[in-house]
């Protein structure tokens, strides 16, 4: 049986793809029944779209795969704590579970509005936190 670390490593692969495109390195995967149905990474610079966060891209892809807007049987793995916009989209999609790596102390939904997620959504924080955080730190160090 595959575990949270395995799926977070897959999200980290997506984050590395974003890094290579000079995007903020955030990656996401959506899993149902131990199978990845969507992979995505930040594309805000590439698409010139502030809403093109990894989570938003993954939610859209998963909904298209499943043929419906509700992701009630799905788990989203993301390398950085979702922002309020993404948390709201996750609420509307009614994701069963969210697993994230690094916390976002400045812009994360927990800081701004911790009630945004659907009440039934389970959250697991800090999976592979160090690896997720290190990639983000490296990106912003190189940017400066």
N, C-alpha and C. Protein backbone atom coordinates (compact mmCIF):
# COMPACT_ATOMS: atom_id res chain seq x y z
N UNK A 1 0.85 -1.19 0.00
CA UNK A 1 0.00 0.00 0.00
C UNK A 1 0.89 1.25 0.00
N UNK A 2 0.61 2.17 -0.89
CA UNK A 2 1.39 3.40 -0.99
C UNK A 2 0.99 4.34 0.14
N UNK A 3 1.96 5.15 0.61
CA UNK A 3 1.69 6.02 1.76
C UNK A 3 1.84 7.49 1.40
N UNK A 4 1.62 8.35 2.41
CA UNK A 4 1.68 9.80 2.20
C UNK A 4 3.03 10.25 1.66
N UNK A 5 4.12 9.66 2.17
CA UNK A 5 5.45 10.04 1.68
C UNK A 5 5.59 9.77 0.17
N UNK A 6 5.09 8.63 -0.27
CA UNK A 6 5.17 8.30 -1.69
C UNK A 6 4.46 9.36 -2.54
N UNK A 7 3.24 9.68 -2.16
CA UNK A 7 2.48 10.64 -2.96
C UNK A 7 3.05 12.05 -2.85
N UNK A 8 3.61 12.40 -1.68
CA UNK A 8 4.24 13.73 -1.56
C UNK A 8 5.50 13.79 -2.42
N UNK A 9 6.21 12.69 -2.55
CA UNK A 9 7.37 12.68 -3.46
C UNK A 9 6.92 12.95 -4.89
N UNK A 10 5.75 12.45 -5.26
CA UNK A 10 5.22 12.72 -6.59
C UNK A 10 4.87 14.20 -6.75
N UNK A 11 4.31 14.79 -5.71
CA UNK A 11 4.03 16.23 -5.73
C UNK A 11 5.34 17.03 -5.81
N UNK A 12 6.37 16.56 -5.12
CA UNK A 12 7.68 17.23 -5.18
C UNK A 12 8.27 17.16 -6.59
N UNK A 13 8.04 16.07 -7.29
CA UNK A 13 8.49 15.99 -8.69
C UNK A 13 7.86 17.11 -9.50
N UNK A 14 6.57 17.34 -9.27
CA UNK A 14 5.88 18.42 -9.96
C UNK A 14 6.47 19.78 -9.57
N UNK A 15 6.79 19.94 -8.28
CA UNK A 15 7.39 21.20 -7.82
C UNK A 15 8.73 21.44 -8.52
N UNK A 16 9.49 20.39 -8.73
CA UNK A 16 10.78 20.53 -9.43
C UNK A 16 10.56 20.94 -10.89
N UNK A 17 9.48 20.46 -11.50
CA UNK A 17 9.16 20.91 -12.87
C UNK A 17 8.86 22.41 -12.88
N UNK A 18 8.12 22.87 -11.88
CA UNK A 18 7.83 24.31 -11.77
C UNK A 18 9.13 25.09 -11.60
N UNK A 19 10.01 24.60 -10.73
CA UNK A 19 11.30 25.25 -10.49
C UNK A 19 12.06 25.42 -11.81
N UNK A 20 12.07 24.38 -12.63
CA UNK A 20 12.76 24.42 -13.92
C UNK A 20 12.16 25.43 -14.89
N UNK A 21 10.91 25.82 -14.66
CA UNK A 21 10.24 26.81 -15.50
C UNK A 21 10.27 28.20 -14.87
N UNK A 22 11.04 28.35 -13.80
CA UNK A 22 11.13 29.60 -13.04
C UNK A 22 9.79 30.02 -12.45
N UNK A 23 8.98 29.02 -12.12
CA UNK A 23 7.72 29.21 -11.40
C UNK A 23 8.00 28.94 -9.93
N UNK A 24 7.23 29.54 -9.03
CA UNK A 24 7.34 29.19 -7.62
C UNK A 24 7.14 27.67 -7.53
N UNK A 25 8.09 26.95 -6.94
CA UNK A 25 8.07 25.48 -7.00
C UNK A 25 7.06 24.83 -6.05
N UNK A 26 5.83 24.80 -6.50
CA UNK A 26 4.77 24.11 -5.78
C UNK A 26 4.20 23.06 -6.72
N UNK A 27 4.05 21.85 -6.20
CA UNK A 27 3.49 20.76 -6.99
C UNK A 27 2.35 20.10 -6.25
N UNK A 28 1.47 19.46 -7.02
CA UNK A 28 0.31 18.81 -6.43
C UNK A 28 -0.04 17.56 -7.23
N UNK A 29 -0.58 16.58 -6.52
CA UNK A 29 -1.18 15.41 -7.16
C UNK A 29 -2.50 15.12 -6.45
N UNK A 30 -3.43 14.55 -7.19
CA UNK A 30 -4.70 14.13 -6.61
C UNK A 30 -4.81 12.62 -6.79
N UNK A 31 -5.17 11.97 -5.69
CA UNK A 31 -5.18 10.51 -5.62
C UNK A 31 -6.58 10.02 -5.27
N UNK A 32 -7.00 8.96 -5.93
CA UNK A 32 -8.23 8.25 -5.58
C UNK A 32 -7.92 6.76 -5.65
N UNK A 33 -8.28 6.04 -4.63
CA UNK A 33 -8.04 4.59 -4.57
C UNK A 33 -6.59 4.23 -4.85
N UNK A 34 -5.68 4.95 -4.22
CA UNK A 34 -4.24 4.68 -4.34
C UNK A 34 -3.70 4.92 -5.76
N UNK A 35 -4.42 5.69 -6.57
CA UNK A 35 -4.00 5.96 -7.95
C UNK A 35 -4.00 7.45 -8.20
N UNK A 36 -2.91 7.95 -8.77
CA UNK A 36 -2.82 9.37 -9.11
C UNK A 36 -3.66 9.61 -10.36
N UNK A 37 -4.61 10.54 -10.23
CA UNK A 37 -5.47 10.86 -11.38
C UNK A 37 -5.16 12.24 -11.95
N UNK A 38 -4.40 13.05 -11.19
CA UNK A 38 -4.04 14.40 -11.68
C UNK A 38 -2.70 14.80 -11.10
N UNK A 39 -1.90 15.44 -11.93
CA UNK A 39 -0.60 15.99 -11.54
C UNK A 39 -0.56 17.43 -12.04
N UNK A 40 0.02 18.30 -11.22
CA UNK A 40 0.10 19.71 -11.66
C UNK A 40 1.17 20.44 -10.87
N UNK A 41 1.57 21.57 -11.42
CA UNK A 41 2.49 22.46 -10.72
C UNK A 41 2.10 23.89 -11.07
N UNK A 42 2.67 24.82 -10.33
CA UNK A 42 2.36 26.23 -10.57
C UNK A 42 2.65 26.61 -12.02
N UNK A 43 1.75 27.37 -12.59
CA UNK A 43 1.90 27.87 -13.95
C UNK A 43 1.51 29.34 -14.05
N UNK A 44 1.61 30.07 -12.95
CA UNK A 44 1.14 31.46 -12.95
C UNK A 44 1.95 32.34 -13.89
N UNK A 45 3.25 32.12 -13.98
CA UNK A 45 4.09 32.92 -14.88
C UNK A 45 3.89 32.46 -16.33
N UNK A 46 3.91 31.15 -16.53
CA UNK A 46 3.77 30.59 -17.87
C UNK A 46 2.46 31.01 -18.53
N UNK A 47 1.38 30.95 -17.76
CA UNK A 47 0.06 31.27 -18.30
C UNK A 47 -0.35 32.73 -18.07
N UNK A 48 0.51 33.48 -17.36
CA UNK A 48 0.19 34.86 -17.01
C UNK A 48 -1.19 34.92 -16.35
N UNK A 49 -1.36 34.04 -15.34
CA UNK A 49 -2.66 33.86 -14.70
C UNK A 49 -2.44 33.65 -13.20
N UNK A 50 -2.90 34.59 -12.40
CA UNK A 50 -2.69 34.51 -10.94
C UNK A 50 -3.44 33.33 -10.32
N UNK A 51 -4.41 32.76 -11.02
CA UNK A 51 -5.15 31.63 -10.46
C UNK A 51 -4.55 30.28 -10.83
N UNK A 52 -3.47 30.26 -11.58
CA UNK A 52 -2.90 29.00 -12.09
C UNK A 52 -1.99 28.32 -11.06
N UNK A 53 -2.45 28.26 -9.82
CA UNK A 53 -1.72 27.56 -8.77
C UNK A 53 -1.78 26.05 -9.02
N UNK A 54 -0.83 25.33 -8.49
CA UNK A 54 -0.77 23.87 -8.67
C UNK A 54 -2.08 23.21 -8.26
N UNK A 55 -2.62 23.63 -7.13
CA UNK A 55 -3.85 23.01 -6.63
C UNK A 55 -5.02 23.24 -7.58
N UNK A 56 -5.13 24.44 -8.10
CA UNK A 56 -6.23 24.77 -9.02
C UNK A 56 -6.11 23.94 -10.30
N UNK A 57 -4.89 23.83 -10.81
CA UNK A 57 -4.65 23.03 -12.01
C UNK A 57 -5.01 21.56 -11.76
N UNK A 58 -4.63 21.05 -10.59
CA UNK A 58 -4.90 19.65 -10.25
C UNK A 58 -6.40 19.39 -10.07
N UNK A 59 -7.09 20.31 -9.41
CA UNK A 59 -8.53 20.15 -9.21
C UNK A 59 -9.26 20.10 -10.55
N UNK A 60 -8.90 21.00 -11.45
CA UNK A 60 -9.53 21.02 -12.78
C UNK A 60 -9.25 19.71 -13.52
N UNK A 61 -8.02 19.26 -13.49
CA UNK A 61 -7.66 18.01 -14.19
C UNK A 61 -8.41 16.82 -13.59
N UNK A 62 -8.47 16.73 -12.27
CA UNK A 62 -9.16 15.61 -11.62
C UNK A 62 -10.66 15.62 -11.93
N UNK A 63 -11.26 16.79 -11.90
CA UNK A 63 -12.69 16.89 -12.21
C UNK A 63 -12.95 16.43 -13.65
N UNK A 64 -12.06 16.78 -14.55
CA UNK A 64 -12.21 16.35 -15.95
C UNK A 64 -12.06 14.83 -16.07
N UNK A 65 -11.12 14.26 -15.35
CA UNK A 65 -10.91 12.80 -15.38
C UNK A 65 -12.13 12.08 -14.82
N UNK A 66 -12.65 12.57 -13.69
CA UNK A 66 -13.76 11.90 -13.02
C UNK A 66 -15.12 12.23 -13.65
N UNK A 67 -15.17 13.30 -14.43
CA UNK A 67 -16.42 13.68 -15.08
C UNK A 67 -17.41 14.36 -14.15
N UNK A 68 -16.89 15.00 -13.10
CA UNK A 68 -17.77 15.72 -12.17
C UNK A 68 -16.96 16.68 -11.32
N UNK A 69 -17.64 17.65 -10.75
CA UNK A 69 -16.93 18.70 -10.02
C UNK A 69 -16.60 18.34 -8.58
N UNK A 70 -17.22 17.31 -8.04
CA UNK A 70 -16.97 16.94 -6.64
C UNK A 70 -15.90 15.86 -6.55
N UNK A 71 -14.96 16.09 -5.66
CA UNK A 71 -13.82 15.18 -5.47
C UNK A 71 -13.88 14.54 -4.09
N UNK A 72 -15.05 14.07 -3.73
CA UNK A 72 -15.30 13.61 -2.36
C UNK A 72 -14.52 12.36 -1.98
N UNK A 73 -14.04 11.60 -2.95
CA UNK A 73 -13.26 10.39 -2.65
C UNK A 73 -11.77 10.61 -2.86
N UNK A 74 -11.36 11.84 -3.04
CA UNK A 74 -9.98 12.15 -3.42
C UNK A 74 -9.17 12.77 -2.29
N UNK A 75 -7.86 12.55 -2.40
CA UNK A 75 -6.88 13.21 -1.53
C UNK A 75 -5.98 14.05 -2.40
N UNK A 76 -5.79 15.30 -2.00
CA UNK A 76 -4.87 16.20 -2.69
C UNK A 76 -3.60 16.31 -1.87
N UNK A 77 -2.46 16.05 -2.51
CA UNK A 77 -1.14 16.23 -1.92
C UNK A 77 -0.53 17.46 -2.55
N UNK A 78 -0.05 18.37 -1.72
CA UNK A 78 0.55 19.60 -2.24
C UNK A 78 1.75 19.96 -1.37
N UNK A 79 2.79 20.48 -2.01
CA UNK A 79 4.05 20.72 -1.30
C UNK A 79 4.02 21.93 -0.39
N UNK A 80 3.08 22.84 -0.59
CA UNK A 80 2.97 24.05 0.23
C UNK A 80 1.53 24.20 0.69
N UNK A 81 1.36 24.63 1.92
CA UNK A 81 0.02 24.89 2.47
C UNK A 81 -0.78 25.75 1.49
N UNK A 82 -1.99 25.36 1.18
CA UNK A 82 -2.80 26.11 0.22
C UNK A 82 -3.10 27.54 0.68
N UNK A 83 -3.19 28.43 -0.29
CA UNK A 83 -3.62 29.80 -0.03
C UNK A 83 -5.14 29.82 0.13
N UNK A 84 -5.71 30.93 0.55
CA UNK A 84 -7.17 31.00 0.70
C UNK A 84 -7.94 30.72 -0.59
N UNK A 85 -7.44 31.16 -1.73
CA UNK A 85 -8.13 30.90 -3.00
C UNK A 85 -8.22 29.40 -3.24
N UNK A 86 -7.10 28.71 -3.07
CA UNK A 86 -7.08 27.27 -3.32
C UNK A 86 -7.90 26.52 -2.27
N UNK A 87 -7.81 26.95 -1.03
CA UNK A 87 -8.60 26.32 0.04
C UNK A 87 -10.09 26.45 -0.26
N UNK A 88 -10.50 27.59 -0.77
CA UNK A 88 -11.91 27.78 -1.14
C UNK A 88 -12.31 26.84 -2.27
N UNK A 89 -11.44 26.70 -3.27
CA UNK A 89 -11.74 25.78 -4.37
C UNK A 89 -11.83 24.34 -3.85
N UNK A 90 -10.98 24.01 -2.89
CA UNK A 90 -11.02 22.68 -2.29
C UNK A 90 -12.32 22.46 -1.54
N UNK A 91 -12.80 23.51 -0.91
CA UNK A 91 -14.09 23.43 -0.21
C UNK A 91 -15.20 23.12 -1.21
N UNK A 92 -15.23 23.88 -2.31
CA UNK A 92 -16.27 23.67 -3.32
C UNK A 92 -16.17 22.28 -3.94
N UNK A 93 -14.95 21.78 -4.12
CA UNK A 93 -14.75 20.45 -4.69
C UNK A 93 -15.04 19.34 -3.67
N UNK A 94 -15.16 19.72 -2.41
CA UNK A 94 -15.45 18.78 -1.32
C UNK A 94 -14.43 17.65 -1.23
N UNK A 95 -13.16 18.03 -1.33
CA UNK A 95 -12.09 17.03 -1.21
C UNK A 95 -12.20 16.31 0.13
N UNK A 96 -11.97 15.02 0.09
CA UNK A 96 -12.01 14.20 1.30
C UNK A 96 -10.85 14.53 2.23
N UNK A 97 -9.66 14.71 1.63
CA UNK A 97 -8.46 14.89 2.45
C UNK A 97 -7.46 15.76 1.71
N UNK A 98 -6.72 16.54 2.50
CA UNK A 98 -5.63 17.37 1.97
C UNK A 98 -4.39 17.06 2.80
N UNK A 99 -3.29 16.84 2.10
CA UNK A 99 -2.00 16.58 2.74
C UNK A 99 -1.03 17.61 2.19
N UNK A 100 -0.40 18.38 3.09
CA UNK A 100 0.59 19.33 2.59
C UNK A 100 1.91 19.22 3.32
N UNK A 101 2.95 19.70 2.64
CA UNK A 101 4.30 19.63 3.18
C UNK A 101 4.65 20.83 4.04
N UNK A 102 5.11 21.90 3.40
CA UNK A 102 5.56 23.10 4.11
C UNK A 102 4.37 23.99 4.46
N UNK A 103 4.44 24.60 5.64
CA UNK A 103 3.45 25.60 6.02
C UNK A 103 3.79 26.93 5.38
N UNK A 104 2.79 27.74 5.13
CA UNK A 104 2.99 29.08 4.59
C UNK A 104 2.53 30.07 5.66
N UNK A 105 3.48 30.54 6.43
CA UNK A 105 3.18 31.40 7.59
C UNK A 105 2.63 32.76 7.18
N UNK A 106 2.90 33.20 5.94
CA UNK A 106 2.45 34.52 5.50
C UNK A 106 1.13 34.49 4.73
N UNK A 107 0.98 33.50 3.83
CA UNK A 107 -0.17 33.50 2.92
C UNK A 107 -1.02 32.25 2.98
N UNK A 108 -0.74 31.34 3.89
CA UNK A 108 -1.49 30.11 3.98
C UNK A 108 -2.90 30.32 4.52
N UNK A 109 -3.79 29.42 4.17
CA UNK A 109 -5.18 29.58 4.60
C UNK A 109 -5.31 29.53 6.12
N UNK A 110 -4.44 28.78 6.80
CA UNK A 110 -4.52 28.71 8.27
C UNK A 110 -4.30 30.07 8.92
N UNK A 111 -3.43 30.86 8.35
CA UNK A 111 -3.13 32.19 8.88
C UNK A 111 -4.28 33.16 8.60
N UNK A 112 -4.84 33.08 7.40
CA UNK A 112 -5.81 34.07 6.95
C UNK A 112 -7.25 33.67 7.29
N UNK A 113 -7.60 32.43 7.04
CA UNK A 113 -8.98 32.00 7.29
C UNK A 113 -9.02 30.48 7.46
N UNK A 114 -8.76 30.00 8.66
CA UNK A 114 -8.67 28.56 8.88
C UNK A 114 -9.97 27.79 8.68
N UNK A 115 -11.09 28.50 8.55
CA UNK A 115 -12.39 27.83 8.37
C UNK A 115 -12.76 27.60 6.91
N UNK A 116 -11.86 27.90 5.98
CA UNK A 116 -12.21 27.84 4.56
C UNK A 116 -12.51 26.43 4.04
N UNK A 117 -11.83 25.43 4.54
CA UNK A 117 -12.02 24.09 4.00
C UNK A 117 -13.39 23.54 4.35
N UNK A 118 -13.85 22.58 3.56
CA UNK A 118 -15.11 21.90 3.84
C UNK A 118 -15.01 21.25 5.23
N UNK A 119 -16.07 21.30 6.00
CA UNK A 119 -16.02 20.77 7.37
C UNK A 119 -15.64 19.28 7.46
N UNK A 120 -15.91 18.52 6.41
CA UNK A 120 -15.59 17.09 6.43
C UNK A 120 -14.18 16.78 5.94
N UNK A 121 -13.49 17.78 5.40
CA UNK A 121 -12.15 17.56 4.86
C UNK A 121 -11.16 17.32 5.98
N UNK A 122 -10.43 16.22 5.87
CA UNK A 122 -9.36 15.91 6.83
C UNK A 122 -8.06 16.52 6.31
N UNK A 123 -7.24 17.04 7.22
CA UNK A 123 -5.99 17.68 6.84
C UNK A 123 -4.83 17.01 7.57
N UNK A 124 -3.77 16.71 6.81
CA UNK A 124 -2.52 16.22 7.37
C UNK A 124 -1.44 17.21 6.99
N UNK A 125 -0.74 17.73 7.98
CA UNK A 125 0.28 18.77 7.75
C UNK A 125 1.69 18.20 7.96
N UNK A 126 2.65 18.79 7.27
CA UNK A 126 4.05 18.52 7.56
C UNK A 126 4.63 17.24 6.96
N UNK A 127 3.99 16.66 5.95
CA UNK A 127 4.54 15.47 5.30
C UNK A 127 5.71 15.90 4.41
N UNK A 128 6.89 15.37 4.69
CA UNK A 128 8.12 15.74 3.97
C UNK A 128 8.34 17.26 4.01
N UNK A 129 8.02 17.83 5.14
CA UNK A 129 8.07 19.28 5.31
C UNK A 129 9.44 19.87 4.97
N UNK A 130 10.50 19.23 5.43
CA UNK A 130 11.84 19.77 5.20
C UNK A 130 12.18 19.83 3.72
N UNK A 131 11.91 18.77 2.98
CA UNK A 131 12.21 18.74 1.54
C UNK A 131 11.40 19.79 0.80
N UNK A 132 10.14 19.91 1.15
CA UNK A 132 9.27 20.90 0.49
C UNK A 132 9.74 22.31 0.79
N UNK A 133 10.06 22.55 2.04
CA UNK A 133 10.53 23.88 2.47
C UNK A 133 11.87 24.23 1.84
N UNK A 134 12.79 23.27 1.80
CA UNK A 134 14.13 23.52 1.24
C UNK A 134 14.06 23.95 -0.22
N UNK A 135 13.18 23.32 -1.00
CA UNK A 135 13.06 23.68 -2.42
C UNK A 135 12.55 25.11 -2.58
N UNK A 136 11.58 25.48 -1.77
CA UNK A 136 11.06 26.85 -1.82
C UNK A 136 12.13 27.87 -1.41
N UNK A 137 12.86 27.56 -0.36
CA UNK A 137 13.91 28.46 0.12
C UNK A 137 14.99 28.65 -0.96
N UNK A 138 15.39 27.56 -1.60
CA UNK A 138 16.38 27.64 -2.66
C UNK A 138 15.89 28.53 -3.80
N UNK A 139 14.65 28.34 -4.20
CA UNK A 139 14.08 29.14 -5.27
C UNK A 139 14.16 30.62 -4.96
N UNK A 140 13.73 31.00 -3.77
CA UNK A 140 13.70 32.43 -3.43
C UNK A 140 15.10 32.99 -3.17
N UNK A 141 16.04 32.16 -2.72
CA UNK A 141 17.42 32.61 -2.59
C UNK A 141 18.01 32.92 -3.95
N UNK A 142 17.74 32.06 -4.93
CA UNK A 142 18.25 32.28 -6.28
C UNK A 142 17.59 33.48 -6.96
N UNK A 143 16.36 33.75 -6.58
CA UNK A 143 15.62 34.88 -7.14
C UNK A 143 16.22 36.21 -6.69
N UNK A 144 16.71 36.25 -5.48
CA UNK A 144 17.26 37.49 -4.92
C UNK A 144 18.63 37.65 -5.37
